[in-house]
C-alpha atoms as a PDB file:
ATOM      1  CA  MET A   1      -0.045   0.037  -0.104  1.00  0.00           C
ATOM      2  CA  ARG A   2       1.322   3.472  -1.072  1.00  0.00           C
ATOM      3  CA  ARG A   3       1.878   6.022   1.847  1.00  0.00           C
ATOM      4  CA  PRO A   4       0.120   9.329   1.447  1.00  0.00           C
ATOM      5  CA  SER A   5       2.394  12.086   0.042  1.00  0.00           C
ATOM      6  CA  PHE A   6       3.760  14.903   2.146  1.00  0.00           C
ATOM      7  CA  TRP A   7       1.496  17.527   0.521  1.00  0.00           C
ATOM      8  CA  LEU A   8      -1.593  15.459   1.188  1.00  0.00           C
ATOM      9  CA  THR A   9      -0.875  14.719   4.852  1.00  0.00           C
ATOM     10  CA  ARG A  10       0.793  18.008   5.783  1.00  0.00           C
ATOM     11  CA  ILE A  11      -0.895  20.561   3.699  1.00  0.00           C
ATOM     12  CA  VAL A  12      -4.152  19.438   2.021  1.00  0.00           C
ATOM     13  CA  VAL A  13      -5.780  17.457   4.810  1.00  0.00           C
ATOM     14  CA  PRO A  14      -5.044  20.047   7.626  1.00  0.00           C
ATOM     15  CA  ALA A  15      -6.083  22.922   5.362  1.00  0.00           C
ATOM     16  CA  LEU A  16      -9.303  21.301   4.522  1.00  0.00           C
ATOM     17  CA  ALA A  17      -9.968  20.515   8.095  1.00  0.00           C
ATOM     18  CA  LEU A  18      -9.342  24.109   9.091  1.00  0.00           C
ATOM     19  CA  LEU A  19     -11.487  25.477   6.229  1.00  0.00           C
ATOM     20  CA  LEU A  20     -14.379  23.136   7.162  1.00  0.00           C
ATOM     21  CA  CYS A  21     -14.153  24.352  10.741  1.00  0.00           C
ATOM     22  CA  GLY A  22     -14.440  28.030   9.607  1.00  0.00           C
ATOM     23  CA  GLY A  23     -10.735  28.773   9.330  1.00  0.00           C
ATOM     24  CA  SER A  24      -9.399  30.987   6.522  1.00  0.00           C
ATOM     25  CA  SER A  25      -6.544  30.466   4.240  1.00  0.00           C
ATOM     26  CA  THR A  26      -4.482  32.874   6.248  1.00  0.00           C
ATOM     27  CA  ILE A  27      -4.840  30.707   9.244  1.00  0.00           C
ATOM     28  CA  VAL A  28      -3.954  27.575   7.287  1.00  0.00           C
ATOM     29  CA  ALA A  29      -0.817  29.331   5.860  1.00  0.00           C
ATOM     30  CA  GLN A  30       0.114  30.454   9.470  1.00  0.00           C
ATOM     31  CA  GLN A  31      -0.298  26.870  10.797  1.00  0.00           C
ATOM     32  CA  MET A  32       1.895  25.368   8.140  1.00  0.00           C
ATOM     33  CA  GLU A  33       4.904  27.627   9.053  1.00  0.00           C
ATOM     34  CA  HIS A  34       7.333  25.955  11.422  1.00  0.00           C
ATOM     35  CA  SER A  35      10.510  27.892  10.663  1.00  0.00           C
ATOM     36  CA  ALA A  36       9.447  31.169  12.271  1.00  0.00           C
ATOM     37  CA  PRO A  37      11.397  32.229  15.309  1.00  0.00           C
ATOM     38  CA  SER A  38       9.551  31.446  18.537  1.00  0.00           C
ATOM     39  CA  ALA A  39       9.465  32.370  22.200  1.00  0.00           C
ATOM     40  CA  PRO A  40       9.520  29.465  24.654  1.00  0.00           C
ATOM     41  CA  SER A  41       5.973  28.666  25.785  1.00  0.00           C
ATOM     42  CA  THR A  42       5.229  29.700  29.329  1.00  0.00           C
ATOM     43  CA  HIS A  43       1.450  28.802  29.656  1.00  0.00           C
ATOM     44  CA  LEU A  44      -0.980  26.504  28.048  1.00  0.00           C
ATOM     45  CA  THR A  45      -4.613  27.499  26.995  1.00  0.00           C
ATOM     46  CA  ILE A  46      -7.251  24.960  26.065  1.00  0.00           C
ATOM     47  CA  LYS A  47     -10.361  26.306  24.258  1.00  0.00           C
ATOM     48  CA  THR A  48     -13.458  24.471  23.182  1.00  0.00           C
ATOM     49  CA  TYR A  49     -15.933  25.065  20.483  1.00  0.00           C
ATOM     50  CA  ASP A  50     -18.638  25.887  23.096  1.00  0.00           C
ATOM     51  CA  GLY A  51     -16.519  28.598  24.952  1.00  0.00           C
ATOM     52  CA  LYS A  52     -14.999  26.680  27.810  1.00  0.00           C
ATOM     53  CA  THR A  53     -11.303  27.626  28.528  1.00  0.00           C
ATOM     54  CA  LEU A  54      -8.656  26.162  30.778  1.00  0.00           C
ATOM     55  CA  SER A  55      -5.350  28.020  31.300  1.00  0.00           C
ATOM     56  CA  LEU A  56      -2.384  26.151  32.914  1.00  0.00           C
ATOM     57  CA  SER A  57       0.977  27.323  34.131  1.00  0.00           C
ATOM     58  CA  PRO A  58       3.948  24.841  34.244  1.00  0.00           C
ATOM     59  CA  GLU A  59       3.428  24.392  37.907  1.00  0.00           C
ATOM     60  CA  GLU A  60      -0.255  23.601  37.607  1.00  0.00           C
ATOM     61  CA  LEU A  61       0.531  21.004  34.710  1.00  0.00           C
ATOM     62  CA  ALA A  62       3.282  19.545  36.970  1.00  0.00           C
ATOM     63  CA  ALA A  63       0.746  19.002  39.811  1.00  0.00           C
ATOM     64  CA  LEU A  64      -1.514  16.765  37.693  1.00  0.00           C
ATOM     65  CA  PRO A  65      -1.072  12.963  37.259  1.00  0.00           C
ATOM     66  CA  HIS A  66       1.680  12.242  34.706  1.00  0.00           C
ATOM     67  CA  LYS A  67       2.325   9.411  32.319  1.00  0.00           C
ATOM     68  CA  SER A  68       5.708   8.584  30.705  1.00  0.00           C
ATOM     69  CA  VAL A  69       6.080   7.609  27.120  1.00  0.00           C
ATOM     70  CA  SER A  70       9.269   6.164  25.517  1.00  0.00           C
ATOM     71  CA  VAL A  71       9.611   7.195  21.807  1.00  0.00           C
ATOM     72  CA  PHE A  72      12.232   7.343  18.991  1.00  0.00           C
ATOM     73  CA  ASN A  73      12.773  10.788  17.717  1.00  0.00           C
ATOM     74  CA  ALA A  74      13.467  10.278  14.027  1.00  0.00           C
ATOM     75  CA  HIS A  75      14.833  13.829  13.773  1.00  0.00           C
ATOM     76  CA  SER A  76      17.560  13.467  16.382  1.00  0.00           C
ATOM     77  CA  LYS A  77      17.851   9.777  15.920  1.00  0.00           C
ATOM     78  CA  THR A  78      17.533   9.130  19.673  1.00  0.00           C
ATOM     79  CA  ASN A  79      15.330   7.305  22.048  1.00  0.00           C
ATOM     80  CA  GLU A  80      13.556   9.712  24.386  1.00  0.00           C
ATOM     81  CA  THR A  81      11.362   9.430  27.400  1.00  0.00           C
ATOM     82  CA  TYR A  82       8.861  12.151  27.895  1.00  0.00           C
ATOM     83  CA  SER A  83       6.520  12.648  30.905  1.00  0.00           C
ATOM     84  CA  GLY A  84       3.389  14.622  30.956  1.00  0.00           C
ATOM     85  CA  VAL A  85      -0.304  14.760  31.227  1.00  0.00           C
ATOM     86  CA  LEU A  86      -2.433  12.675  28.934  1.00  0.00           C
ATOM     87  CA  LEU A  87      -4.185  15.086  26.477  1.00  0.00           C
ATOM     88  CA  ALA A  88      -7.493  13.249  27.133  1.00  0.00           C
ATOM     89  CA  ASP A  89      -7.212  14.043  30.845  1.00  0.00           C
ATOM     90  CA  LEU A  90      -6.807  17.782  30.029  1.00  0.00           C
ATOM     91  CA  LEU A  91      -9.788  17.663  27.523  1.00  0.00           C
ATOM     92  CA  SER A  92     -11.970  16.024  30.134  1.00  0.00           C
ATOM     93  CA  LYS A  93     -11.337  19.119  32.412  1.00  0.00           C
ATOM     94  CA  VAL A  94     -13.053  21.285  29.869  1.00  0.00           C
ATOM     95  CA  GLY A  95     -16.056  18.784  29.265  1.00  0.00           C
ATOM     96  CA  VAL A  96     -14.881  17.203  26.107  1.00  0.00           C
ATOM     97  CA  PRO A  97     -16.864  13.769  25.789  1.00  0.00           C
ATOM     98  CA  LEU A  98     -14.432  10.758  25.933  1.00  0.00           C
ATOM     99  CA  GLY A  99     -14.796   6.983  26.059  1.00  0.00           C
ATOM    100  CA  GLU A 100     -18.162   5.374  25.561  1.00  0.00           C
ATOM    101  CA  ALA A 101     -19.666   8.896  25.093  1.00  0.00           C
ATOM    102  CA  VAL A 102     -17.830   9.290  21.737  1.00  0.00           C
ATOM    103  CA  ARG A 103     -20.152   8.122  18.933  1.00  0.00           C
ATOM    104  CA  GLY A 104     -21.749   9.420  15.836  1.00  0.00           C
ATOM    105  CA  LYS A 105     -21.030  13.135  15.020  1.00  0.00           C
ATOM    106  CA  LEU A 106     -18.562  13.361  18.028  1.00  0.00           C
ATOM    107  CA  PHE A 107     -16.038  11.475  15.718  1.00  0.00           C
ATOM    108  CA  LEU A 108     -16.006  14.742  13.754  1.00  0.00           C
ATOM    109  CA  ILE A 109     -14.321  16.638  16.622  1.00  0.00           C
ATOM    110  CA  GLY A 110     -10.794  17.808  15.998  1.00  0.00           C
ATOM    111  CA  ILE A 111      -7.955  18.894  18.208  1.00  0.00           C
ATOM    112  CA  VAL A 112      -5.683  21.636  16.858  1.00  0.00           C
ATOM    113  CA  ALA A 113      -2.421  22.114  18.824  1.00  0.00           C
ATOM    114  CA  SER A 114      -0.230  25.185  18.225  1.00  0.00           C
ATOM    115  CA  GLY A 115       3.087  26.392  19.307  1.00  0.00           C
ATOM    116  CA  THR A 116       4.402  29.937  19.773  1.00  0.00           C
ATOM    117  CA  ASP A 117       5.952  29.635  16.311  1.00  0.00           C
ATOM    118  CA  ASN A 118       2.479  29.290  14.694  1.00  0.00           C
ATOM    119  CA  TYR A 119       3.260  25.654  13.954  1.00  0.00           C
ATOM    120  CA  GLY A 120       0.008  23.659  14.263  1.00  0.00           C
ATOM    121  CA  VAL A 121      -1.164  20.167  13.851  1.00  0.00           C
ATOM    122  CA  LEU A 122      -4.570  18.410  13.776  1.00  0.00           C
ATOM    123  CA  TYR A 123      -5.598  15.241  15.743  1.00  0.00           C
ATOM    124  CA  SER A 124      -9.025  13.648  15.728  1.00  0.00           C
ATOM    125  CA  LEU A 125     -10.724  13.193  19.133  1.00  0.00           C
ATOM    126  CA  ALA A 126     -10.416   9.360  18.493  1.00  0.00           C
ATOM    127  CA  GLU A 127      -6.669   9.603  18.160  1.00  0.00           C
ATOM    128  CA  VAL A 128      -6.354  11.172  21.503  1.00  0.00           C
ATOM    129  CA  ASP A 129      -8.885   9.038  23.524  1.00  0.00           C
ATOM    130  CA  PRO A 130      -7.178   6.066  25.274  1.00  0.00           C
ATOM    131  CA  ALA A 131     -10.582   4.166  25.241  1.00  0.00           C
ATOM    132  CA  ILE A 132     -10.520   4.228  21.359  1.00  0.00           C
ATOM    133  CA  HIS A 133      -6.827   4.446  20.424  1.00  0.00           C
ATOM    134  CA  THR A 134      -3.885   2.497  21.604  1.00  0.00           C
ATOM    135  CA  GLY A 135      -1.332   5.295  21.413  1.00  0.00           C
ATOM    136  CA  ASP A 136      -0.798   7.982  23.863  1.00  0.00           C
ATOM    137  CA  VAL A 137      -0.843  11.737  23.172  1.00  0.00           C
ATOM    138  CA  ILE A 138       0.580  13.634  26.106  1.00  0.00           C
ATOM    139  CA  VAL A 139       1.403  17.266  26.981  1.00  0.00           C
ATOM    140  CA  ALA A 140       4.944  16.731  28.177  1.00  0.00           C
ATOM    141  CA  ASP A 141       6.834  18.795  30.640  1.00  0.00           C
ATOM    142  CA  THR A 142       9.992  16.732  31.096  1.00  0.00           C
ATOM    143  CA  LEU A 143      12.319  15.029  28.736  1.00  0.00           C
ATOM    144  CA  ASP A 144      14.530  12.113  30.099  1.00  0.00           C
ATOM    145  CA  GLY A 145      13.787  13.266  33.744  1.00  0.00           C
ATOM    146  CA  GLN A 146      14.661  16.931  33.092  1.00  0.00           C
ATOM    147  CA  LYS A 147      12.181  19.941  32.841  1.00  0.00           C
ATOM    148  CA  LEU A 148      11.712  21.080  29.228  1.00  0.00           C
ATOM    149  CA  THR A 149      13.546  24.259  28.652  1.00  0.00           C
ATOM    150  CA  LYS A 150      14.825  24.872  25.024  1.00  0.00           C
ATOM    151  CA  ASP A 151      11.476  24.041  23.507  1.00  0.00           C
ATOM    152  CA  GLY A 152       9.308  25.792  25.988  1.00  0.00           C
ATOM    153  CA  ALA A 153       7.487  24.527  29.083  1.00  0.00           C
ATOM    154  CA  PHE A 154       5.105  22.301  27.152  1.00  0.00           C
ATOM    155  CA  LYS A 155       5.338  19.864  24.187  1.00  0.00           C
ATOM    156  CA  MET A 156       2.823  17.749  22.566  1.00  0.00           C
ATOM    157  CA  VAL A 157       4.122  14.272  21.951  1.00  0.00           C
ATOM    158  CA  SER A 158       2.380  11.284  20.345  1.00  0.00           C
ATOM    159  CA  SER A 159       3.711   7.715  21.025  1.00  0.00           C
ATOM    160  CA  GLU A 160       2.302   6.354  17.826  1.00  0.00           C
ATOM    161  CA  GLU A 161       4.064   8.602  15.315  1.00  0.00           C
ATOM    162  CA  ARG A 162       6.724   7.147  13.125  1.00  0.00           C
ATOM    163  CA  ARG A 163       8.330  10.594  12.979  1.00  0.00           C
ATOM    164  CA  PRO A 164       7.666  13.580  15.180  1.00  0.00           C
ATOM    165  CA  ALA A 165       5.930  15.718  12.524  1.00  0.00           C
ATOM    166  CA  ARG A 166       2.715  16.164  14.710  1.00  0.00           C
ATOM    167  CA  TRP A 167       4.792  16.858  17.901  1.00  0.00           C
ATOM    168  CA  VAL A 168       4.441  20.528  18.870  1.00  0.00           C
ATOM    169  CA  ARG A 169       7.277  22.168  20.743  1.00  0.00           C
ATOM    170  CA  ASN A 170       6.643  25.444  22.551  1.00  0.00           C
ATOM    171  CA  LEU A 171       3.059  24.334  22.844  1.00  0.00           C
ATOM    172  CA  THR A 172       0.829  27.263  23.807  1.00  0.00           C
ATOM    173  CA  SER A 173      -2.693  26.472  22.795  1.00  0.00           C
ATOM    174  CA  ILE A 174      -5.067  23.506  22.194  1.00  0.00           C
ATOM    175  CA  SER A 175      -8.362  24.251  20.413  1.00  0.00           C
ATOM    176  CA  VAL A 176     -11.326  21.766  20.281  1.00  0.00           C
ATOM    177  CA  VAL A 177     -13.078  22.257  16.962  1.00  0.00           C
ATOM    178  CA  LYS A 178     -16.116  20.739  15.283  1.00  0.00           C
ATOM    179  CA  VAL A 179     -15.733  19.656  11.748  1.00  0.00           C
ATOM    180  CA  GLU A 180     -18.882  19.721   9.591  1.00  0.00           C
ATOM    181  CA  PRO A 181     -19.057  17.427   6.702  1.00  0.00           C
END
């Protein structure tokens, strides 16, 4: 089976998803930029489509239950162990349905994670829900036992990615969006 092309997976699908969610081509262009200089992230904001918001400082995230994931970083060619809070746990704090409650149109919920450099990625709700998907998506605050520093206080990491293209360093916002077919 042929793997999808770079353009399809990194440009077309996220752009289409953002447009279906009411985004503009300007937002899409900004989301695709990853080379822009960025300031380290110092807080994390989670927003839902129905107006709920949760803001977290590094200390507040550190106080929540953590999970460790061991991954191979294809960019640095090293094995790394990240520790952080399951994204699903953070989403539940703002009332996002998970587990058995996810059915029907709820499978059209998307999670957009963005860094301070305007790099953004899209996950489906099913990809971040441990009751549906076997991989873990965490908001990490430590790497190999040390607090994150160079890449900001927060980093989105997925244990099921073959390469870290959908990891977001300097993570500053997570938006829960509805995708309409």
